[in-house]
PDB file of N, CA and C in Angstrom:
ATOM      1  N   UNK A   1      -5.325  67.963 -56.321  1.00  0.00           N
ATOM      2  CA  UNK A   1      -5.095  68.712 -55.040  1.00  0.00           C
ATOM      3  C   UNK A   1      -3.637  68.730 -54.654  1.00  0.00           C
ATOM      4  N   UNK A   2      -3.163  69.799 -54.194  1.00  0.00           N
ATOM      5  CA  UNK A   2      -1.872  69.976 -53.895  1.00  0.00           C
ATOM      6  C   UNK A   2      -1.654  69.846 -52.361  1.00  0.00           C
ATOM      7  N   UNK A   3      -0.365  69.798 -52.009  1.00  0.00           N
ATOM      8  CA  UNK A   3      -0.097  69.829 -50.510  1.00  0.00           C
ATOM      9  C   UNK A   3      -0.555  70.806 -49.786  1.00  0.00           C
ATOM     10  N   UNK A   4      -0.531  72.034 -50.346  1.00  0.00           N
ATOM     11  CA  UNK A   4      -1.022  73.263 -49.673  1.00  0.00           C
ATOM     12  C   UNK A   4      -2.523  73.152 -49.504  1.00  0.00           C
ATOM     13  N   UNK A   5      -3.312  72.622 -50.629  1.00  0.00           N
ATOM     14  CA  UNK A   5      -4.723  72.380 -50.529  1.00  0.00           C
ATOM     15  C   UNK A   5      -5.034  71.423 -49.489  1.00  0.00           C
ATOM     16  N   UNK A   6      -4.280  70.358 -49.353  1.00  0.00           N
ATOM     17  CA  UNK A   6      -4.519  69.344 -48.286  1.00  0.00           C
ATOM     18  C   UNK A   6      -4.338  69.959 -46.929  1.00  0.00           C
ATOM     19  N   UNK A   7      -3.318  70.725 -46.630  1.00  0.00           N
ATOM     20  CA  UNK A   7      -3.087  71.378 -45.431  1.00  0.00           C
ATOM     21  C   UNK A   7      -4.106  72.443 -45.086  1.00  0.00           C
ATOM     22  N   UNK A   8      -4.691  73.093 -46.092  1.00  0.00           N
ATOM     23  CA  UNK A   8      -5.750  74.057 -45.913  1.00  0.00           C
ATOM     24  C   UNK A   8      -7.038  73.252 -45.423  1.00  0.00           C
ATOM     25  N   UNK A   9      -7.300  72.162 -46.130  1.00  0.00           N
ATOM     26  CA  UNK A   9      -8.506  71.374 -45.834  1.00  0.00           C
ATOM     27  C   UNK A   9      -8.412  70.781 -44.406  1.00  0.00           C
ATOM     28  N   UNK A  10      -7.271  70.557 -43.893  1.00  0.00           N
ATOM     29  CA  UNK A  10      -7.192  70.204 -42.496  1.00  0.00           C
ATOM     30  C   UNK A  10      -7.580  71.188 -41.522  1.00  0.00           C
ATOM     31  N   UNK A  11      -7.504  72.333 -41.893  1.00  0.00           N
ATOM     32  CA  UNK A  11      -7.955  73.672 -41.079  1.00  0.00           C
ATOM     33  C   UNK A  11      -9.329  73.902 -40.974  1.00  0.00           C
ATOM     34  N   UNK A  12     -10.110  73.253 -41.869  1.00  0.00           N
ATOM     35  CA  UNK A  12     -11.478  73.551 -42.066  1.00  0.00           C
ATOM     36  C   UNK A  12     -12.302  72.301 -42.091  1.00  0.00           C
ATOM     37  N   UNK A  13     -13.429  72.487 -41.099  1.00  0.00           N
ATOM     38  CA  UNK A  13     -14.186  71.290 -41.082  1.00  0.00           C
ATOM     39  C   UNK A  13     -14.944  70.871 -42.353  1.00  0.00           C
ATOM     40  N   UNK A  14     -15.564  72.071 -42.942  1.00  0.00           N
ATOM     41  CA  UNK A  14     -16.259  71.905 -44.229  1.00  0.00           C
ATOM     42  C   UNK A  14     -15.283  71.466 -45.459  1.00  0.00           C
ATOM     43  N   UNK A  15     -14.039  72.070 -45.540  1.00  0.00           N
ATOM     44  CA  UNK A  15     -13.241  71.703 -46.491  1.00  0.00           C
ATOM     45  C   UNK A  15     -12.613  70.317 -46.418  1.00  0.00           C
ATOM     46  N   UNK A  16     -12.440  69.804 -45.192  1.00  0.00           N
ATOM     47  CA  UNK A  16     -11.945  68.469 -44.853  1.00  0.00           C
ATOM     48  C   UNK A  16     -13.113  67.497 -45.272  1.00  0.00           C
ATOM     49  N   UNK A  17     -14.372  67.829 -44.842  1.00  0.00           N
ATOM     50  CA  UNK A  17     -15.370  66.861 -45.116  1.00  0.00           C
ATOM     51  C   UNK A  17     -15.575  66.794 -46.720  1.00  0.00           C
ATOM     52  N   UNK A  18     -15.458  67.910 -47.357  1.00  0.00           N
ATOM     53  CA  UNK A  18     -15.504  67.704 -48.929  1.00  0.00           C
ATOM     54  C   UNK A  18     -14.390  66.863 -49.403  1.00  0.00           C
ATOM     55  N   UNK A  19     -13.136  67.112 -48.898  1.00  0.00           N
ATOM     56  CA  UNK A  19     -11.972  66.324 -49.406  1.00  0.00           C
ATOM     57  C   UNK A  19     -12.258  64.856 -49.187  1.00  0.00           C
ATOM     58  N   UNK A  20     -12.692  64.473 -48.020  1.00  0.00           N
ATOM     59  CA  UNK A  20     -12.974  63.033 -47.784  1.00  0.00           C
ATOM     60  C   UNK A  20     -14.073  62.409 -48.576  1.00  0.00           C
ATOM     61  N   UNK A  21     -15.105  63.103 -48.686  1.00  0.00           N
ATOM     62  CA  UNK A  21     -16.233  62.622 -49.496  1.00  0.00           C
ATOM     63  C   UNK A  21     -15.827  62.534 -50.925  1.00  0.00           C
ATOM     64  N   UNK A  22     -15.190  63.506 -51.448  1.00  0.00           N
ATOM     65  CA  UNK A  22     -14.573  63.368 -52.826  1.00  0.00           C
ATOM     66  C   UNK A  22     -13.672  62.276 -53.050  1.00  0.00           C
ATOM     67  N   UNK A  23     -12.725  61.993 -52.042  1.00  0.00           N
ATOM     68  CA  UNK A  23     -11.660  61.007 -52.077  1.00  0.00           C
ATOM     69  C   UNK A  23     -12.358  59.595 -52.199  1.00  0.00           C
ATOM     70  N   UNK A  24     -13.334  59.319 -51.306  1.00  0.00           N
ATOM     71  CA  UNK A  24     -14.101  58.094 -51.259  1.00  0.00           C
ATOM     72  C   UNK A  24     -15.081  57.987 -52.514  1.00  0.00           C
ATOM     73  N   UNK A  25     -15.345  58.966 -53.134  1.00  0.00           N
ATOM     74  CA  UNK A  25     -16.072  58.910 -54.434  1.00  0.00           C
ATOM     75  C   UNK A  25     -15.280  58.165 -55.434  1.00  0.00           C
ATOM     76  N   UNK A  26     -13.974  58.486 -55.399  1.00  0.00           N
ATOM     77  CA  UNK A  26     -13.020  58.036 -56.327  1.00  0.00           C
ATOM     78  C   UNK A  26     -12.458  56.625 -56.052  1.00  0.00           C
ATOM     79  N   UNK A  27     -12.428  56.406 -54.651  1.00  0.00           N
ATOM     80  CA  UNK A  27     -11.703  55.279 -54.182  1.00  0.00           C
ATOM     81  C   UNK A  27     -12.574  54.374 -53.261  1.00  0.00           C
ATOM     82  N   UNK A  28     -12.738  53.113 -53.451  1.00  0.00           N
ATOM     83  CA  UNK A  28     -13.547  52.364 -52.527  1.00  0.00           C
ATOM     84  C   UNK A  28     -13.110  52.360 -51.138  1.00  0.00           C
ATOM     85  N   UNK A  29     -11.790  52.355 -50.925  1.00  0.00           N
ATOM     86  CA  UNK A  29     -11.214  52.270 -49.544  1.00  0.00           C
ATOM     87  C   UNK A  29      -9.888  52.737 -49.536  1.00  0.00           C
ATOM     88  N   UNK A  30      -9.365  53.159 -48.376  1.00  0.00           N
ATOM     89  CA  UNK A  30      -7.988  53.435 -48.132  1.00  0.00           C
ATOM     90  C   UNK A  30      -7.331  52.424 -47.328  1.00  0.00           C
ATOM     91  N   UNK A  31      -6.242  51.798 -47.868  1.00  0.00           N
ATOM     92  CA  UNK A  31      -5.588  50.653 -47.049  1.00  0.00           C
ATOM     93  C   UNK A  31      -4.208  51.007 -46.783  1.00  0.00           C
ATOM     94  N   UNK A  32      -3.755  50.466 -45.697  1.00  0.00           N
ATOM     95  CA  UNK A  32      -2.315  50.715 -45.507  1.00  0.00           C
ATOM     96  C   UNK A  32      -1.692  49.702 -44.500  1.00  0.00           C
ATOM     97  N   UNK A  33      -0.555  49.774 -44.238  1.00  0.00           N
ATOM     98  CA  UNK A  33      -0.035  48.783 -43.216  1.00  0.00           C
ATOM     99  C   UNK A  33       1.342  49.341 -42.779  1.00  0.00           C
ATOM    100  N   UNK A  34       1.691  48.714 -41.592  1.00  0.00           N
ATOM    101  CA  UNK A  34       3.002  49.068 -40.952  1.00  0.00           C
ATOM    102  C   UNK A  34       3.566  47.717 -40.453  1.00  0.00           C
ATOM    103  N   UNK A  35       4.754  47.322 -40.892  1.00  0.00           N
ATOM    104  CA  UNK A  35       5.323  46.160 -40.506  1.00  0.00           C
ATOM    105  C   UNK A  35       6.721  46.295 -40.058  1.00  0.00           C
ATOM    106  N   UNK A  36       7.091  45.720 -38.913  1.00  0.00           N
ATOM    107  CA  UNK A  36       8.445  45.515 -38.418  1.00  0.00           C
ATOM    108  C   UNK A  36       8.666  44.060 -38.170  1.00  0.00           C
ATOM    109  N   UNK A  37       9.821  43.629 -37.953  1.00  0.00           N
ATOM    110  CA  UNK A  37      10.007  42.211 -37.799  1.00  0.00           C
ATOM    111  C   UNK A  37       9.050  41.538 -36.579  1.00  0.00           C
ATOM    112  N   UNK A  38       8.862  42.329 -35.534  1.00  0.00           N
ATOM    113  CA  UNK A  38       8.074  41.661 -34.338  1.00  0.00           C
ATOM    114  C   UNK A  38       6.685  42.166 -34.542  1.00  0.00           C
ATOM    115  N   UNK A  39       6.248  43.030 -35.128  1.00  0.00           N
ATOM    116  CA  UNK A  39       4.864  43.565 -35.053  1.00  0.00           C
ATOM    117  C   UNK A  39       4.273  44.047 -36.438  1.00  0.00           C
ATOM    118  N   UNK A  40       3.057  43.846 -36.501  1.00  0.00           N
ATOM    119  CA  UNK A  40       2.389  44.455 -37.738  1.00  0.00           C
ATOM    120  C   UNK A  40       0.897  45.147 -37.610  1.00  0.00           C
ATOM    121  N   UNK A  41       0.614  46.072 -38.322  1.00  0.00           N
ATOM    122  CA  UNK A  41      -0.596  46.719 -38.425  1.00  0.00           C
ATOM    123  C   UNK A  41      -1.137  46.744 -40.003  1.00  0.00           C
ATOM    124  N   UNK A  42      -2.327  46.421 -40.183  1.00  0.00           N
ATOM    125  CA  UNK A  42      -3.052  46.509 -41.525  1.00  0.00           C
ATOM    126  C   UNK A  42      -4.346  47.035 -41.194  1.00  0.00           C
ATOM    127  N   UNK A  43      -4.605  48.109 -41.979  1.00  0.00           N
ATOM    128  CA  UNK A  43      -5.889  48.880 -41.779  1.00  0.00           C
ATOM    129  C   UNK A  43      -6.505  49.246 -43.130  1.00  0.00           C
ATOM    130  N   UNK A  44      -7.825  49.409 -42.960  1.00  0.00           N
ATOM    131  CA  UNK A  44      -8.691  49.911 -44.222  1.00  0.00           C
ATOM    132  C   UNK A  44      -9.562  50.898 -43.512  1.00  0.00           C
ATOM    133  N   UNK A  45      -9.802  52.054 -44.419  1.00  0.00           N
ATOM    134  CA  UNK A  45     -10.666  52.971 -44.011  1.00  0.00           C
ATOM    135  C   UNK A  45     -11.763  53.095 -45.184  1.00  0.00           C
ATOM    136  N   UNK A  46     -13.108  53.068 -44.832  1.00  0.00           N
ATOM    137  CA  UNK A  46     -14.095  53.235 -45.874  1.00  0.00           C
ATOM    138  C   UNK A  46     -15.083  54.338 -45.298  1.00  0.00           C
ATOM    139  N   UNK A  47     -15.824  54.891 -46.206  1.00  0.00           N
ATOM    140  CA  UNK A  47     -16.801  55.963 -45.956  1.00  0.00           C
ATOM    141  C   UNK A  47     -18.161  55.220 -45.959  1.00  0.00           C
ATOM    142  N   UNK A  48     -18.875  55.476 -44.928  1.00  0.00           N
ATOM    143  CA  UNK A  48     -20.222  54.945 -44.784  1.00  0.00           C
ATOM    144  C   UNK A  48     -21.297  56.071 -44.723  1.00  0.00           C
ATOM    145  N   UNK A  49     -22.309  56.279 -45.537  1.00  0.00           N
ATOM    146  CA  UNK A  49     -23.156  57.533 -45.343  1.00  0.00           C
ATOM    147  C   UNK A  49     -23.813  57.627 -44.229  1.00  0.00           C
ATOM    148  N   UNK A  50     -24.096  56.495 -43.360  1.00  0.00           N
ATOM    149  CA  UNK A  50     -24.743  56.645 -42.073  1.00  0.00           C
ATOM    150  C   UNK A  50     -23.759  56.913 -40.813  1.00  0.00           C
ATOM    151  N   UNK A  51     -22.721  56.279 -40.856  1.00  0.00           N
ATOM    152  CA  UNK A  51     -21.741  56.112 -39.726  1.00  0.00           C
ATOM    153  C   UNK A  51     -20.441  56.953 -39.989  1.00  0.00           C
ATOM    154  N   UNK A  52     -20.227  57.652 -40.983  1.00  0.00           N
ATOM    155  CA  UNK A  52     -19.054  58.335 -41.241  1.00  0.00           C
ATOM    156  C   UNK A  52     -17.917  57.319 -41.813  1.00  0.00           C
ATOM    157  N   UNK A  53     -16.844  57.435 -41.260  1.00  0.00           N
ATOM    158  CA  UNK A  53     -15.644  56.461 -41.430  1.00  0.00           C
ATOM    159  C   UNK A  53     -15.678  55.214 -40.712  1.00  0.00           C
ATOM    160  N   UNK A  54     -15.495  54.133 -41.332  1.00  0.00           N
ATOM    161  CA  UNK A  54     -15.237  52.796 -40.782  1.00  0.00           C
ATOM    162  C   UNK A  54     -13.901  52.432 -40.959  1.00  0.00           C
ATOM    163  N   UNK A  55     -13.191  52.279 -39.860  1.00  0.00           N
ATOM    164  CA  UNK A  55     -11.831  51.971 -39.776  1.00  0.00           C
ATOM    165  C   UNK A  55     -11.614  50.556 -39.239  1.00  0.00           C
ATOM    166  N   UNK A  56     -11.061  49.756 -40.020  1.00  0.00           N
ATOM    167  CA  UNK A  56     -10.793  48.260 -39.553  1.00  0.00           C
ATOM    168  C   UNK A  56      -9.311  48.213 -39.477  1.00  0.00           C
ATOM    169  N   UNK A  57      -8.793  47.849 -38.142  1.00  0.00           N
ATOM    170  CA  UNK A  57      -7.365  47.604 -37.842  1.00  0.00           C
ATOM    171  C   UNK A  57      -7.071  46.234 -37.414  1.00  0.00           C
ATOM    172  N   UNK A  58      -6.080  45.612 -38.040  1.00  0.00           N
ATOM    173  CA  UNK A  58      -5.650  44.194 -37.591  1.00  0.00           C
ATOM    174  C   UNK A  58      -4.281  44.373 -37.126  1.00  0.00           C
ATOM    175  N   UNK A  59      -3.945  43.840 -36.011  1.00  0.00           N
ATOM    176  CA  UNK A  59      -2.549  44.052 -35.460  1.00  0.00           C
ATOM    177  C   UNK A  59      -2.286  42.500 -34.987  1.00  0.00           C
ATOM    178  N   UNK A  60      -0.861  42.243 -35.054  1.00  0.00           N
ATOM    179  CA  UNK A  60      -0.422  41.064 -34.511  1.00  0.00           C
ATOM    180  C   UNK A  60       1.083  41.041 -34.310  1.00  0.00           C
ATOM    181  N   UNK A  61       1.524  40.065 -33.748  1.00  0.00           N
ATOM    182  CA  UNK A  61       2.931  39.808 -33.439  1.00  0.00           C
ATOM    183  C   UNK A  61       3.504  38.749 -34.354  1.00  0.00           C
ATOM    184  N   UNK A  62       4.619  39.059 -34.973  1.00  0.00           N
ATOM    185  CA  UNK A  62       5.499  38.211 -35.671  1.00  0.00           C
ATOM    186  C   UNK A  62       6.385  37.458 -34.794  1.00  0.00           C
ATOM    187  N   UNK A  63       6.193  36.201 -34.626  1.00  0.00           N
ATOM    188  CA  UNK A  63       7.014  35.618 -33.659  1.00  0.00           C
ATOM    189  C   UNK A  63       7.452  34.231 -34.342  1.00  0.00           C
ATOM    190  N   UNK A  64       8.562  34.252 -34.894  1.00  0.00           N
ATOM    191  CA  UNK A  64       9.164  33.072 -35.696  1.00  0.00           C
ATOM    192  C   UNK A  64       8.643  31.766 -35.518  1.00  0.00           C
ATOM    193  N   UNK A  65       7.817  31.225 -36.307  1.00  0.00           N
ATOM    194  CA  UNK A  65       7.332  29.952 -36.231  1.00  0.00           C
ATOM    195  C   UNK A  65       6.044  29.714 -35.359  1.00  0.00           C
ATOM    196  N   UNK A  66       5.859  30.497 -34.333  1.00  0.00           N
ATOM    197  CA  UNK A  66       4.633  30.334 -33.551  1.00  0.00           C
ATOM    198  C   UNK A  66       3.509  31.031 -34.119  1.00  0.00           C
ATOM    199  N   UNK A  67       2.357  30.425 -33.921  1.00  0.00           N
ATOM    200  CA  UNK A  67       1.158  31.030 -34.508  1.00  0.00           C
ATOM    201  C   UNK A  67       0.544  31.861 -33.472  1.00  0.00           C
ATOM    202  N   UNK A  68       0.368  33.309 -33.677  1.00  0.00           N
ATOM    203  CA  UNK A  68      -0.213  34.077 -32.780  1.00  0.00           C
ATOM    204  C   UNK A  68      -1.364  34.746 -33.621  1.00  0.00           C
ATOM    205  N   UNK A  69      -2.560  34.576 -32.954  1.00  0.00           N
ATOM    206  CA  UNK A  69      -3.830  35.006 -33.620  1.00  0.00           C
ATOM    207  C   UNK A  69      -3.766  36.593 -33.706  1.00  0.00           C
ATOM    208  N   UNK A  70      -4.113  37.212 -34.894  1.00  0.00           N
ATOM    209  CA  UNK A  70      -4.240  38.594 -34.941  1.00  0.00           C
ATOM    210  C   UNK A  70      -5.400  39.087 -34.174  1.00  0.00           C
ATOM    211  N   UNK A  71      -5.222  40.355 -33.806  1.00  0.00           N
ATOM    212  CA  UNK A  71      -6.455  41.071 -33.235  1.00  0.00           C
ATOM    213  C   UNK A  71      -7.088  42.007 -34.302  1.00  0.00           C
ATOM    214  N   UNK A  72      -8.345  41.905 -34.472  1.00  0.00           N
ATOM    215  CA  UNK A  72      -9.042  42.884 -35.467  1.00  0.00           C
ATOM    216  C   UNK A  72     -10.079  43.606 -34.685  1.00  0.00           C
ATOM    217  N   UNK A  73     -10.030  44.968 -35.063  1.00  0.00           N
ATOM    218  CA  UNK A  73     -10.849  45.958 -34.323  1.00  0.00           C
ATOM    219  C   UNK A  73     -11.521  46.725 -35.340  1.00  0.00           C
ATOM    220  N   UNK A  74     -12.733  47.174 -35.259  1.00  0.00           N
ATOM    221  CA  UNK A  74     -13.518  47.840 -36.115  1.00  0.00           C
ATOM    222  C   UNK A  74     -14.063  49.189 -35.389  1.00  0.00           C
ATOM    223  N   UNK A  75     -13.729  50.539 -35.823  1.00  0.00           N
ATOM    224  CA  UNK A  75     -14.236  51.622 -35.180  1.00  0.00           C
ATOM    225  C   UNK A  75     -14.989  52.446 -36.129  1.00  0.00           C
ATOM    226  N   UNK A  76     -16.097  53.139 -35.614  1.00  0.00           N
ATOM    227  CA  UNK A  76     -16.854  54.096 -36.542  1.00  0.00           C
ATOM    228  C   UNK A  76     -16.478  55.492 -35.998  1.00  0.00           C
ATOM    229  N   UNK A  77     -16.165  56.380 -36.936  1.00  0.00           N
ATOM    230  CA  UNK A  77     -15.778  57.728 -36.479  1.00  0.00           C
ATOM    231  C   UNK A  77     -16.336  58.769 -37.486  1.00  0.00           C
ATOM    232  N   UNK A  78     -16.700  59.798 -37.034  1.00  0.00           N
ATOM    233  CA  UNK A  78     -17.209  60.865 -37.834  1.00  0.00           C
ATOM    234  C   UNK A  78     -16.023  61.501 -38.590  1.00  0.00           C
ATOM    235  N   UNK A  79     -16.320  62.126 -39.684  1.00  0.00           N
ATOM    236  CA  UNK A  79     -15.322  62.735 -40.592  1.00  0.00           C
ATOM    237  C   UNK A  79     -14.570  63.794 -39.824  1.00  0.00           C
ATOM    238  N   UNK A  80     -15.305  64.618 -38.928  1.00  0.00           N
ATOM    239  CA  UNK A  80     -14.762  65.663 -38.011  1.00  0.00           C
ATOM    240  C   UNK A  80     -13.919  65.025 -37.021  1.00  0.00           C
ATOM    241  N   UNK A  81     -14.288  64.081 -36.368  1.00  0.00           N
ATOM    242  CA  UNK A  81     -13.499  63.362 -35.326  1.00  0.00           C
ATOM    243  C   UNK A  81     -12.155  62.878 -35.984  1.00  0.00           C
ATOM    244  N   UNK A  82     -12.258  62.333 -37.250  1.00  0.00           N
ATOM    245  CA  UNK A  82     -11.127  61.858 -37.971  1.00  0.00           C
ATOM    246  C   UNK A  82     -10.170  63.170 -38.190  1.00  0.00           C
ATOM    247  N   UNK A  83     -10.641  64.208 -38.703  1.00  0.00           N
ATOM    248  CA  UNK A  83      -9.840  65.456 -38.867  1.00  0.00           C
ATOM    249  C   UNK A  83      -9.093  65.884 -37.680  1.00  0.00           C
ATOM    250  N   UNK A  84      -9.819  65.754 -36.495  1.00  0.00           N
ATOM    251  CA  UNK A  84      -9.186  66.158 -35.204  1.00  0.00           C
ATOM    252  C   UNK A  84      -7.964  65.187 -34.960  1.00  0.00           C
ATOM    253  N   UNK A  85      -8.282  63.864 -35.162  1.00  0.00           N
ATOM    254  CA  UNK A  85      -7.298  62.832 -34.922  1.00  0.00           C
ATOM    255  C   UNK A  85      -6.047  63.088 -35.762  1.00  0.00           C
ATOM    256  N   UNK A  86      -6.204  63.449 -37.065  1.00  0.00           N
ATOM    257  CA  UNK A  86      -5.127  63.695 -37.900  1.00  0.00           C
ATOM    258  C   UNK A  86      -4.286  64.887 -37.488  1.00  0.00           C
ATOM    259  N   UNK A  87      -5.042  65.949 -36.906  1.00  0.00           N
ATOM    260  CA  UNK A  87      -4.312  67.158 -36.386  1.00  0.00           C
ATOM    261  C   UNK A  87      -3.472  66.852 -35.149  1.00  0.00           C
ATOM    262  N   UNK A  88      -3.874  65.937 -34.303  1.00  0.00           N
ATOM    263  CA  UNK A  88      -3.177  65.804 -33.057  1.00  0.00           C
ATOM    264  C   UNK A  88      -2.530  64.429 -32.849  1.00  0.00           C
ATOM    265  N   UNK A  89      -2.648  63.456 -33.558  1.00  0.00           N
ATOM    266  CA  UNK A  89      -1.896  62.139 -33.327  1.00  0.00           C
ATOM    267  C   UNK A  89      -0.567  62.052 -34.045  1.00  0.00           C
ATOM    268  N   UNK A  90       0.319  61.512 -33.310  1.00  0.00           N
ATOM    269  CA  UNK A  90       1.560  61.347 -33.882  1.00  0.00           C
ATOM    270  C   UNK A  90       1.879  59.889 -33.857  1.00  0.00           C
ATOM    271  N   UNK A  91       2.700  59.465 -34.997  1.00  0.00           N
ATOM    272  CA  UNK A  91       3.093  58.008 -35.079  1.00  0.00           C
ATOM    273  C   UNK A  91       4.361  57.759 -34.530  1.00  0.00           C
ATOM    274  N   UNK A  92       4.796  56.508 -34.616  1.00  0.00           N
ATOM    275  CA  UNK A  92       6.046  56.073 -34.019  1.00  0.00           C
ATOM    276  C   UNK A  92       7.087  56.782 -34.535  1.00  0.00           C
ATOM    277  N   UNK A  93       7.100  57.213 -35.789  1.00  0.00           N
ATOM    278  CA  UNK A  93       8.159  58.116 -36.416  1.00  0.00           C
ATOM    279  C   UNK A  93       7.724  59.569 -35.949  1.00  0.00           C
ATOM    280  N   UNK A  94       8.413  60.094 -35.021  1.00  0.00           N
ATOM    281  CA  UNK A  94       8.028  61.393 -34.507  1.00  0.00           C
ATOM    282  C   UNK A  94       7.913  62.558 -35.418  1.00  0.00           C
ATOM    283  N   UNK A  95       8.723  62.383 -36.574  1.00  0.00           N
ATOM    284  CA  UNK A  95       8.693  63.406 -37.632  1.00  0.00           C
ATOM    285  C   UNK A  95       7.417  63.296 -38.504  1.00  0.00           C
ATOM    286  N   UNK A  96       6.621  62.238 -38.381  1.00  0.00           N
ATOM    287  CA  UNK A  96       5.549  62.088 -39.385  1.00  0.00           C
ATOM    288  C   UNK A  96       4.255  61.996 -38.471  1.00  0.00           C
ATOM    289  N   UNK A  97       3.324  62.834 -38.952  1.00  0.00           N
ATOM    290  CA  UNK A  97       1.917  62.826 -38.161  1.00  0.00           C
ATOM    291  C   UNK A  97       1.121  61.843 -38.972  1.00  0.00           C
ATOM    292  N   UNK A  98      -0.002  61.450 -38.438  1.00  0.00           N
ATOM    293  CA  UNK A  98      -1.057  60.816 -39.082  1.00  0.00           C
ATOM    294  C   UNK A  98      -1.502  61.506 -40.307  1.00  0.00           C
ATOM    295  N   UNK A  99      -1.569  62.879 -40.344  1.00  0.00           N
ATOM    296  CA  UNK A  99      -1.871  63.616 -41.362  1.00  0.00           C
ATOM    297  C   UNK A  99      -0.812  63.369 -42.568  1.00  0.00           C
ATOM    298  N   UNK A 100       0.418  63.367 -42.223  1.00  0.00           N
ATOM    299  CA  UNK A 100       1.388  63.020 -43.286  1.00  0.00           C
ATOM    300  C   UNK A 100       1.262  61.538 -43.852  1.00  0.00           C
ATOM    301  N   UNK A 101       0.791  60.683 -43.008  1.00  0.00           N
ATOM    302  CA  UNK A 101       0.632  59.383 -43.430  1.00  0.00           C
ATOM    303  C   UNK A 101      -0.515  59.202 -44.398  1.00  0.00           C
ATOM    304  N   UNK A 102      -1.686  59.945 -44.044  1.00  0.00           N
ATOM    305  CA  UNK A 102      -2.907  59.964 -44.923  1.00  0.00           C
ATOM    306  C   UNK A 102      -2.513  60.564 -46.205  1.00  0.00           C
ATOM    307  N   UNK A 103      -1.852  61.756 -46.020  1.00  0.00           N
ATOM    308  CA  UNK A 103      -1.543  62.338 -47.386  1.00  0.00           C
ATOM    309  C   UNK A 103      -0.823  61.554 -48.305  1.00  0.00           C
ATOM    310  N   UNK A 104       0.182  60.736 -47.781  1.00  0.00           N
ATOM    311  CA  UNK A 104       0.943  59.850 -48.584  1.00  0.00           C
ATOM    312  C   UNK A 104       0.097  58.733 -49.266  1.00  0.00           C
ATOM    313  N   UNK A 105      -0.744  58.157 -48.325  1.00  0.00           N
ATOM    314  CA  UNK A 105      -1.578  57.006 -48.706  1.00  0.00           C
ATOM    315  C   UNK A 105      -2.713  57.492 -49.701  1.00  0.00           C
ATOM    316  N   UNK A 106      -3.121  58.667 -49.584  1.00  0.00           N
ATOM    317  CA  UNK A 106      -4.270  59.327 -50.372  1.00  0.00           C
ATOM    318  C   UNK A 106      -3.636  59.728 -51.685  1.00  0.00           C
ATOM    319  N   UNK A 107      -2.433  59.781 -51.779  1.00  0.00           N
ATOM    320  CA  UNK A 107      -1.780  60.315 -53.139  1.00  0.00           C
ATOM    321  C   UNK A 107      -1.748  61.692 -53.292  1.00  0.00           C
ATOM    322  N   UNK A 108      -1.833  62.454 -52.276  1.00  0.00           N
ATOM    323  CA  UNK A 108      -1.724  63.976 -52.391  1.00  0.00           C
ATOM    324  C   UNK A 108      -0.285  64.265 -52.412  1.00  0.00           C
ATOM    325  N   UNK A 109       0.074  64.929 -53.668  1.00  0.00           N
ATOM    326  CA  UNK A 109       1.478  65.213 -53.907  1.00  0.00           C
ATOM    327  C   UNK A 109       2.110  66.260 -52.990  1.00  0.00           C
ATOM    328  N   UNK A 110       3.412  66.076 -52.869  1.00  0.00           N
ATOM    329  CA  UNK A 110       4.199  67.057 -52.043  1.00  0.00           C
ATOM    330  C   UNK A 110       4.405  68.312 -52.974  1.00  0.00           C
ATOM    331  N   UNK A 111       4.773  69.308 -52.396  1.00  0.00           N
ATOM    332  CA  UNK A 111       5.200  70.497 -53.124  1.00  0.00           C
ATOM    333  C   UNK A 111       6.324  70.160 -54.031  1.00  0.00           C
ATOM    334  N   UNK A 112       6.302  70.631 -55.141  1.00  0.00           N
ATOM    335  CA  UNK A 112       7.424  70.705 -56.142  1.00  0.00           C
ATOM    336  C   UNK A 112       8.396  71.736 -55.937  1.00  0.00           C
TER     337      UNK A 112
END
């Protein structure tokens, strides 16, 4: 799949559903993280045949030497709701959308 294929899949509910199902046939889960000196996020995304996507997010504060318990949250989301989130959510890096982040993590190559 190319970057153009990925962008086209985002525009179509059916094409995106096919992309996600095919991705998770080849990969058990999608994992990623975001770490800065004071804060971290670690997440996994899995496909469940009954519930759609299962997203687990663990967040916490990095406070030199003090022990702060991480917060773990699990959400269930349909593939279509996830597609809509990808289309509309922006990350801390205002130039990078969640769709861009997923593209990188899923290994969809950029245009050459």
